[in-house]
Amino acid sequence: MVVGAGIGGLTAAVALYRRGWRVTVCERATEPPATGAGIGLAPNALRALDAIGLDAAYAVGSAVPASMGLRRRDGTWLVREATAAMTARYGMPPIAVARPAFTAALAAALPPAALRYGTTVTGVDDAEGCPTVRTAAGPDLPADLVVAADGIHSPLRCTFFPAHPGLHYIGETAWRCLVDAPEPEVTAMSETWGRGERFGITPLSDGRLYLYATAVVPAGTRWSDARAELRRRFGSWHDPIPALLERVGRLDAADVLHNDLHDLATPLPALHHGRIAWLGDAAHAMAPNLGQGGCQAIEDAVVLAHLLPAGSTSDAVADRIPSALAAYTAARRTRTDAVRVRARRAGRLGAVRNPLAAAARDLAVRATPNSLARRGLDDLFTGFRLPGR
């Protein structure tokens, strides 16, 4: 039983299904998402997907930006590099896709009967013996294994790790949306830094652009019109941001996602309990500053399926599940927590508000050689590996 039909949950379902497991995915939303944001699939995530025979570029197309970099609000590039250099270093470039299209591609790799939308999981009984998943509408569902992919606010995490401090507000709120690309074509993936504010632009495989923005504000701050607030904050920034905000203004209000940003305050003591395994945001919620939240969820899912025995129909297989979950915690906990901590630290640079500190930050970024910046990504982009290989 997989709880949650996000990227991590669906990847786990596909990986386990291809290992011979009978899989059911319970998702509280009544239907797949039709709107949402984009996701960058870095080389580590693409290699993980390759390990389960899933070609993301084939499934949903690929957008490979001509270059990637950081800019100041006046448009000056602080650092910029051709994506070809990343391809040469890592064997493949990152690709960017719309999240709804990617989750639809993952869902299409499962039998239709495996997906149960409108099914809210309220708890798990006998997690250390023969788990039973309780749902709001019933019936209760027995399982050999429960994969908790129930998101950043994971009710199952709160239930089984009651002493854990939970989420930590990182001090920023974020807006995300998808817009049609303007003319001329935007070919660079960029993030622009102001003082306590950031604006990101990512070309997607379907020809649209994924936009995101952040601002340092108290937790819970809200505006009556997120579109107007984005224009107020970023409307005077460099081109093509003003033109893109005009397109944002034509979206329905519901198409502009707005969330405060949180990560997990401290690592979980383990990524499993009995026969429940946590993955993705439920296991190690992290700030989005490295673009690794979804990528690490994909890694989790593939490693979990690799460590579990093939199939789920015999007592011999069931008896091996606890040791496999212990191996999963050992394989994933250190890496995911290191990425979580690094993402939090990276966000502090973009969130600097003091003018002198921001100027010093920008100068330091411009002075950093591209070769040194690339080496800093090596552990992220080459760090995925299947245990025992």
Protein backbone atom coordinates (compact mmCIF):
# COMPACT_ATOMS: atom_id res chain seq x y z
CA MET A 1 0.00 0.00 0.00
CA VAL A 2 1.40 3.37 -1.06
CA VAL A 3 -0.05 6.39 0.73
CA GLY A 4 0.12 9.39 -1.57
CA ALA A 5 0.19 9.74 -5.36
CA GLY A 6 2.86 12.39 -5.63
CA ILE A 7 6.15 11.90 -7.44
CA GLY A 8 7.73 9.80 -4.68
CA GLY A 9 4.70 7.62 -4.08
CA LEU A 10 4.07 6.94 -7.75
CA THR A 11 7.74 6.21 -8.43
CA ALA A 12 7.74 3.73 -5.55
CA ALA A 13 4.57 2.13 -6.88
CA VAL A 14 6.05 1.74 -10.36
CA ALA A 15 9.35 0.40 -9.03
CA LEU A 16 7.61 -2.15 -6.79
CA TYR A 17 5.15 -3.16 -9.49
CA ARG A 18 8.06 -3.88 -11.80
CA ARG A 19 9.59 -5.98 -9.03
CA GLY A 20 6.51 -8.19 -8.97
CA TRP A 21 4.54 -6.58 -6.14
CA ARG A 22 0.79 -6.08 -6.15
CA VAL A 23 0.49 -2.35 -5.52
CA THR A 24 -2.37 -0.10 -4.41
CA VAL A 25 -1.93 3.68 -4.23
CA CYS A 26 -4.28 5.63 -1.95
CA GLU A 27 -4.55 9.33 -2.73
CA ARG A 28 -6.84 11.71 -0.84
CA ALA A 29 -7.31 14.06 -3.84
CA THR A 30 -10.30 13.07 -5.90
CA GLU A 31 -8.43 13.24 -9.21
CA PRO A 32 -4.91 13.72 -10.60
CA PRO A 33 -3.63 17.31 -10.52
CA ALA A 34 -4.38 19.35 -13.63
CA THR A 35 -2.40 22.42 -12.59
CA GLY A 36 0.71 22.89 -10.56
CA ALA A 37 4.35 23.64 -10.90
CA GLY A 38 7.36 22.30 -12.72
CA ILE A 39 10.11 20.01 -11.60
CA GLY A 40 13.74 19.78 -12.63
CA LEU A 41 15.01 16.23 -12.95
CA ALA A 42 18.73 16.35 -12.23
CA PRO A 43 21.15 13.66 -13.46
CA ASN A 44 20.89 11.73 -10.18
CA ALA A 45 17.10 11.44 -10.51
CA LEU A 46 17.34 10.50 -14.19
CA ARG A 47 19.78 7.70 -13.34
CA ALA A 48 17.43 6.44 -10.65
CA LEU A 49 14.55 6.37 -13.12
CA ASP A 50 16.76 4.57 -15.63
CA ALA A 51 17.37 1.88 -12.99
CA ILE A 52 13.66 0.97 -13.07
CA GLY A 53 13.42 1.23 -16.83
CA LEU A 54 11.61 4.55 -16.96
CA ASP A 55 12.82 7.10 -19.51
CA ALA A 56 11.43 10.42 -18.31
CA ALA A 57 12.40 12.28 -21.47
CA TYR A 58 10.58 9.72 -23.61
CA ALA A 59 7.53 9.75 -21.33
CA VAL A 60 6.96 13.50 -21.13
CA GLY A 61 9.50 15.10 -23.46
CA SER A 62 12.48 17.10 -22.31
CA ALA A 63 13.49 20.71 -22.15
CA VAL A 64 17.22 21.22 -21.92
CA PRO A 65 18.03 24.89 -21.35
CA ALA A 66 20.88 26.33 -23.37
CA SER A 67 22.39 27.75 -20.20
CA MET A 68 21.87 27.99 -16.48
CA GLY A 69 22.82 30.67 -14.02
CA LEU A 70 22.18 33.33 -11.39
CA ARG A 71 21.37 36.99 -12.06
CA ARG A 72 20.96 40.26 -10.20
CA ARG A 73 17.63 42.07 -10.35
CA ASP A 74 19.06 44.44 -12.99
CA GLY A 75 19.75 41.44 -15.23
CA THR A 76 23.51 41.21 -14.69
CA TRP A 77 24.65 37.60 -14.71
CA LEU A 78 26.49 36.58 -11.56
CA VAL A 79 27.29 33.17 -12.98
CA ARG A 80 26.24 31.55 -16.25
CA GLU A 81 27.28 28.36 -17.94
CA ALA A 82 26.27 26.43 -21.02
CA THR A 83 24.36 23.26 -20.19
CA ALA A 84 26.74 21.39 -22.52
CA ALA A 85 29.39 21.62 -19.82
CA MET A 86 27.10 19.81 -17.37
CA THR A 87 26.28 17.18 -19.98
CA ALA A 88 29.97 16.57 -20.55
CA ARG A 89 30.63 16.24 -16.84
CA TYR A 90 27.66 14.09 -15.80
CA GLY A 91 26.83 12.26 -19.01
CA MET A 92 23.38 13.85 -19.29
CA PRO A 93 21.79 17.25 -18.78
CA PRO A 94 19.01 18.02 -16.34
CA ILE A 95 15.54 18.19 -17.85
CA ALA A 96 12.52 20.18 -16.72
CA VAL A 97 8.92 19.02 -16.99
CA ALA A 98 5.50 20.03 -15.73
CA ARG A 99 4.64 18.10 -12.57
CA PRO A 100 1.13 17.11 -13.72
CA ALA A 101 2.56 15.60 -16.93
CA PHE A 102 5.24 13.71 -15.04
CA THR A 103 2.86 12.29 -12.43
CA ALA A 104 0.50 11.29 -15.26
CA ALA A 105 3.36 9.42 -16.97
CA LEU A 106 4.15 7.58 -13.73
CA ALA A 107 0.50 6.72 -13.18
CA ALA A 108 0.25 5.39 -16.73
CA ALA A 109 2.95 2.84 -15.89
CA LEU A 110 0.60 1.24 -13.33
CA PRO A 111 -2.54 -0.85 -13.81
CA PRO A 112 -5.55 1.52 -13.60
CA ALA A 113 -7.00 -0.49 -10.70
CA ALA A 114 -3.91 0.25 -8.64
CA LEU A 115 -4.86 3.92 -8.24
CA ARG A 116 -7.52 4.89 -5.71
CA TYR A 117 -8.21 8.62 -5.79
CA GLY A 118 -10.50 10.14 -3.19
CA THR A 119 -9.17 7.66 -0.61
CA THR A 120 -7.92 9.33 2.55
CA VAL A 121 -5.74 7.17 4.79
CA THR A 122 -6.47 7.85 8.46
CA GLY A 123 -3.97 5.47 10.05
CA VAL A 124 -2.15 2.17 10.06
CA ASP A 125 -2.82 -0.55 12.62
CA ASP A 126 -0.35 -3.27 13.65
CA ALA A 127 2.54 -1.66 11.79
CA GLU A 128 5.04 -4.13 13.24
CA GLY A 129 3.02 -7.22 12.44
CA CYS A 130 0.53 -7.39 9.58
CA PRO A 131 -0.29 -3.78 8.76
CA THR A 132 -3.84 -2.70 8.05
CA VAL A 133 -4.39 0.64 6.37
CA ARG A 134 -7.46 2.48 7.65
CA THR A 135 -9.28 4.78 5.24
CA ALA A 136 -11.90 7.45 5.86
CA ALA A 137 -14.55 5.80 3.73
CA GLY A 138 -13.52 2.19 4.29
CA PRO A 139 -12.89 -0.60 3.86
CA ASP A 140 -9.67 -1.22 5.79
CA LEU A 141 -6.92 -2.57 3.55
CA PRO A 142 -4.40 -5.23 4.66
CA ALA A 143 -0.83 -4.93 3.41
CA ASP A 144 2.57 -6.59 3.64
CA LEU A 145 4.23 -3.18 3.38
CA VAL A 146 3.08 0.43 3.71
CA VAL A 147 4.98 3.18 1.87
CA ALA A 148 4.28 6.54 3.51
CA ALA A 149 4.58 9.12 0.76
CA ASP A 150 1.96 11.36 2.34
CA GLY A 151 3.79 14.64 1.94
CA ILE A 152 5.46 17.31 3.99
CA HIS A 153 2.75 17.30 6.68
CA SER A 154 2.73 13.46 6.79
CA PRO A 155 0.09 12.34 9.30
CA LEU A 156 1.78 8.94 9.46
CA ARG A 157 5.09 10.57 10.40
CA CYS A 158 3.37 12.48 13.19
CA THR A 159 1.68 9.31 14.45
CA PHE A 160 4.71 7.04 14.54
CA PHE A 161 7.34 9.64 15.51
CA PRO A 162 5.38 11.69 18.07
CA ALA A 163 8.50 13.01 19.82
CA HIS A 164 9.97 14.46 16.62
CA PRO A 165 9.87 18.29 16.51
CA GLY A 166 8.31 18.28 13.04
CA LEU A 167 8.63 21.09 10.51
CA HIS A 168 10.79 24.21 10.63
CA TYR A 169 9.77 27.42 8.81
CA ILE A 170 12.78 28.56 6.81
CA GLY A 171 11.64 32.19 6.75
CA GLU A 172 10.37 32.45 3.19
CA THR A 173 7.09 32.15 1.35
CA ALA A 174 6.94 30.98 -2.26
CA TRP A 175 4.75 31.40 -5.33
CA ARG A 176 4.75 28.93 -8.25
CA CYS A 177 2.93 28.80 -11.56
CA LEU A 178 3.13 27.79 -15.21
CA VAL A 179 2.75 30.30 -18.05
CA ASP A 180 2.95 30.22 -21.82
CA ALA A 181 6.35 31.27 -23.13
CA PRO A 182 6.57 34.74 -24.67
CA GLU A 183 8.49 35.83 -27.74
CA PRO A 184 11.42 35.84 -28.06
CA GLU A 185 11.96 32.35 -26.68
CA VAL A 186 13.46 32.05 -23.21
CA THR A 187 16.33 29.55 -23.45
CA ALA A 188 18.07 29.98 -20.09
CA MET A 189 17.17 28.46 -16.73
CA SER A 190 17.81 31.28 -14.30
CA GLU A 191 17.31 32.45 -10.76
CA THR A 192 17.52 36.15 -9.96
CA TRP A 193 18.54 37.35 -6.51
CA GLY A 194 17.41 40.57 -4.93
CA ARG A 195 17.46 41.41 -1.23
CA GLY A 196 15.32 38.85 0.52
CA GLU A 197 13.56 38.03 -2.75
CA ARG A 198 14.20 35.62 -5.62
CA PHE A 199 12.61 34.93 -9.00
CA GLY A 200 13.19 31.77 -11.04
CA ILE A 201 12.47 30.93 -14.68
CA THR A 202 12.63 27.39 -16.09
CA PRO A 203 11.70 26.37 -19.66
CA LEU A 204 9.60 23.19 -19.68
CA SER A 205 9.28 20.33 -22.12
CA ASP A 206 5.79 21.39 -23.23
CA GLY A 207 6.90 24.85 -24.29
CA ARG A 208 5.63 26.63 -21.19
CA LEU A 209 7.69 28.27 -18.47
CA TYR A 210 7.75 27.32 -14.81
CA LEU A 211 8.01 30.44 -12.68
CA TYR A 212 8.71 30.61 -8.98
CA ALA A 213 9.39 33.44 -6.58
CA THR A 214 10.24 33.71 -2.90
CA ALA A 215 10.21 36.45 -0.30
CA VAL A 216 11.32 36.69 3.31
CA VAL A 217 8.14 37.30 5.32
CA PRO A 218 6.66 36.12 8.64
CA ALA A 219 5.02 32.71 8.49
CA GLY A 220 1.37 32.83 7.51
CA THR A 221 1.54 36.13 5.63
CA ARG A 222 -1.10 36.20 2.91
CA TRP A 223 -2.34 38.65 0.27
CA SER A 224 -5.77 38.95 -1.25
CA ASP A 225 -4.33 38.61 -4.76
CA ALA A 226 -1.06 36.72 -5.17
CA ARG A 227 -0.80 37.86 -8.80
CA ALA A 228 -0.88 41.52 -7.82
CA GLU A 229 1.66 40.93 -5.07
CA LEU A 230 4.06 39.32 -7.54
CA ARG A 231 3.75 42.33 -9.88
CA ARG A 232 4.35 44.70 -6.97
CA ARG A 233 7.48 42.89 -5.83
CA PHE A 234 9.05 41.89 -9.13
CA GLY A 235 7.47 44.07 -11.83
CA SER A 236 10.51 46.36 -12.05
CA TRP A 237 13.05 43.55 -12.33
CA HIS A 238 14.95 42.73 -15.51
CA ASP A 239 13.38 41.42 -18.71
CA PRO A 240 11.59 39.13 -19.34
CA ILE A 241 10.17 39.16 -15.80
CA PRO A 242 7.70 42.06 -16.35
CA ALA A 243 6.29 40.39 -19.49
CA LEU A 244 6.00 37.07 -17.68
CA LEU A 245 4.14 38.72 -14.81
CA GLU A 246 1.65 40.10 -17.31
CA ARG A 247 0.93 36.49 -18.27
CA VAL A 248 0.66 35.54 -14.60
CA GLY A 249 -1.95 38.26 -14.21
CA ARG A 250 -4.12 36.51 -16.80
CA LEU A 251 -4.10 33.20 -14.91
CA ASP A 252 -6.91 32.13 -12.64
CA ALA A 253 -6.05 32.84 -9.02
CA ALA A 254 -6.06 29.10 -8.25
CA ASP A 255 -3.30 28.51 -10.82
CA VAL A 256 -0.80 30.50 -8.75
CA LEU A 257 0.31 28.25 -5.90
CA HIS A 258 1.37 29.98 -2.70
CA ASN A 259 2.99 28.16 0.22
CA ASP A 260 5.28 28.97 3.08
CA LEU A 261 8.53 27.02 2.86
CA HIS A 262 9.39 24.45 5.52
CA ASP A 263 11.92 21.73 5.99
CA LEU A 264 12.21 19.02 8.61
CA ALA A 265 13.62 20.50 11.81
CA THR A 266 15.85 17.49 12.49
CA PRO A 267 16.32 14.11 10.80
CA LEU A 268 13.96 11.30 11.69
CA PRO A 269 15.53 8.64 13.91
CA ALA A 270 14.80 6.14 11.12
CA LEU A 271 13.04 6.12 7.77
CA HIS A 272 10.99 3.10 8.76
CA HIS A 273 8.93 1.75 11.64
CA GLY A 274 7.80 -1.85 11.60
CA ARG A 275 6.56 -2.42 8.07
CA ILE A 276 6.12 1.25 7.18
CA ALA A 277 8.74 3.09 5.11
CA TRP A 278 8.76 6.87 4.69
CA LEU A 279 10.08 8.61 1.60
CA GLY A 280 10.25 12.04 -0.01
CA ASP A 281 8.89 15.03 1.89
CA ALA A 282 7.29 12.75 4.46
CA ALA A 283 10.75 11.44 5.35
CA HIS A 284 13.06 14.42 4.89
CA ALA A 285 11.26 17.57 3.77
CA MET A 286 13.84 20.03 2.46
CA ALA A 287 13.96 23.57 1.16
CA PRO A 288 13.72 23.80 -2.64
CA ASN A 289 16.99 25.70 -3.02
CA LEU A 290 18.93 22.85 -4.66
CA GLY A 291 16.08 21.50 -6.76
CA GLN A 292 16.51 18.15 -5.03
CA GLY A 293 13.26 17.55 -3.15
CA GLY A 294 11.60 15.54 -5.91
CA CYS A 295 14.92 14.08 -7.03
CA GLN A 296 15.64 12.66 -3.58
CA ALA A 297 12.10 11.23 -3.41
CA ILE A 298 12.79 9.41 -6.67
CA GLU A 299 16.08 8.08 -5.30
CA ASP A 300 14.28 6.91 -2.13
CA ALA A 301 11.65 5.04 -4.12
CA VAL A 302 14.11 3.25 -6.38
CA VAL A 303 16.44 2.25 -3.54
CA LEU A 304 13.50 1.00 -1.45
CA ALA A 305 12.21 -1.21 -4.26
CA HIS A 306 15.73 -2.47 -4.95
CA LEU A 307 16.26 -3.55 -1.35
CA LEU A 308 12.89 -5.25 -0.93
CA PRO A 309 12.53 -8.86 -2.09
CA ALA A 310 10.87 -9.37 -5.44
CA GLY A 311 7.17 -10.20 -5.24
CA SER A 312 4.85 -10.02 -2.24
CA THR A 313 2.94 -13.27 -2.14
CA SER A 314 4.83 -15.68 0.07
CA ASP A 315 5.60 -15.85 3.78
CA ALA A 316 9.30 -16.08 2.95
CA VAL A 317 9.13 -12.76 1.13
CA ALA A 318 7.14 -11.12 3.93
CA ASP A 319 9.66 -12.28 6.53
CA ARG A 320 12.43 -10.40 4.72
CA ILE A 321 10.65 -7.05 4.73
CA PRO A 322 11.84 -5.79 8.16
CA SER A 323 15.51 -6.34 7.36
CA ALA A 324 15.04 -4.72 3.96
CA LEU A 325 13.52 -1.63 5.58
CA ALA A 326 16.41 -1.41 8.04
CA ALA A 327 18.78 -1.52 5.07
CA TYR A 328 16.73 1.23 3.41
CA THR A 329 17.17 3.51 6.41
CA ALA A 330 20.91 2.78 6.42
CA ALA A 331 21.19 3.50 2.70
CA ARG A 332 19.18 6.73 2.58
CA ARG A 333 19.16 8.55 5.92
CA THR A 334 22.67 10.04 5.79
CA ARG A 335 22.46 11.19 2.16
CA THR A 336 19.03 12.75 2.41
CA ASP A 337 19.84 14.59 5.62
CA ALA A 338 23.05 15.98 4.13
CA VAL A 339 21.04 17.33 1.19
CA ARG A 340 18.42 18.75 3.58
CA VAL A 341 21.06 20.65 5.55
CA ARG A 342 22.80 21.86 2.42
CA ALA A 343 19.51 23.11 0.93
CA ARG A 344 18.79 25.10 4.09
CA ARG A 345 22.22 26.71 4.00
CA ALA A 346 21.96 27.54 0.29
CA GLY A 347 18.69 29.33 0.91
CA ARG A 348 20.28 31.67 3.37
CA LEU A 349 22.36 33.22 0.58
CA GLY A 350 19.33 34.04 -1.54
CA ALA A 351 17.43 35.34 1.47
CA VAL A 352 20.01 37.98 2.47
CA ARG A 353 18.27 41.36 2.93
CA ASN A 354 21.02 43.70 4.15
CA PRO A 355 22.24 45.76 1.15
CA LEU A 356 25.93 45.49 2.05
CA ALA A 357 25.68 41.78 2.75
CA ALA A 358 23.81 41.23 -0.54
CA ALA A 359 26.47 43.15 -2.47
CA ALA A 360 29.22 41.08 -0.84
CA ARG A 361 27.31 37.89 -1.65
CA ASP A 362 26.94 38.86 -5.30
CA LEU A 363 30.63 39.73 -5.54
CA ALA A 364 31.61 36.38 -4.05
CA VAL A 365 29.37 34.48 -6.47
CA ARG A 366 30.82 36.35 -9.47
CA ALA A 367 34.35 35.62 -8.27
CA THR A 368 33.75 31.86 -7.93
CA PRO A 369 35.16 29.96 -10.95
CA ASN A 370 32.63 27.84 -12.84
CA SER A 371 34.87 24.81 -12.39
CA LEU A 372 34.67 25.15 -8.61
CA ALA A 373 30.89 25.56 -8.73
CA ARG A 374 30.60 22.39 -10.83
CA ARG A 375 32.66 20.40 -8.35
CA GLY A 376 30.23 21.50 -5.67
CA LEU A 377 27.46 19.69 -7.52
CA ASP A 378 29.32 16.43 -7.97
CA ASP A 379 28.09 14.78 -4.79
CA LEU A 380 24.50 15.69 -5.66
CA PHE A 381 24.48 14.61 -9.27
CA THR A 382 26.69 11.54 -8.97
CA GLY A 383 25.61 10.43 -5.50
CA PHE A 384 22.83 8.06 -6.51
CA ARG A 385 23.74 4.40 -6.37
CA LEU A 386 21.91 1.18 -5.68
CA PRO A 387 23.20 -0.60 -2.57
CA GLY A 388 25.32 -3.59 -3.47
CA ARG A 389 26.21 -2.26 -6.93
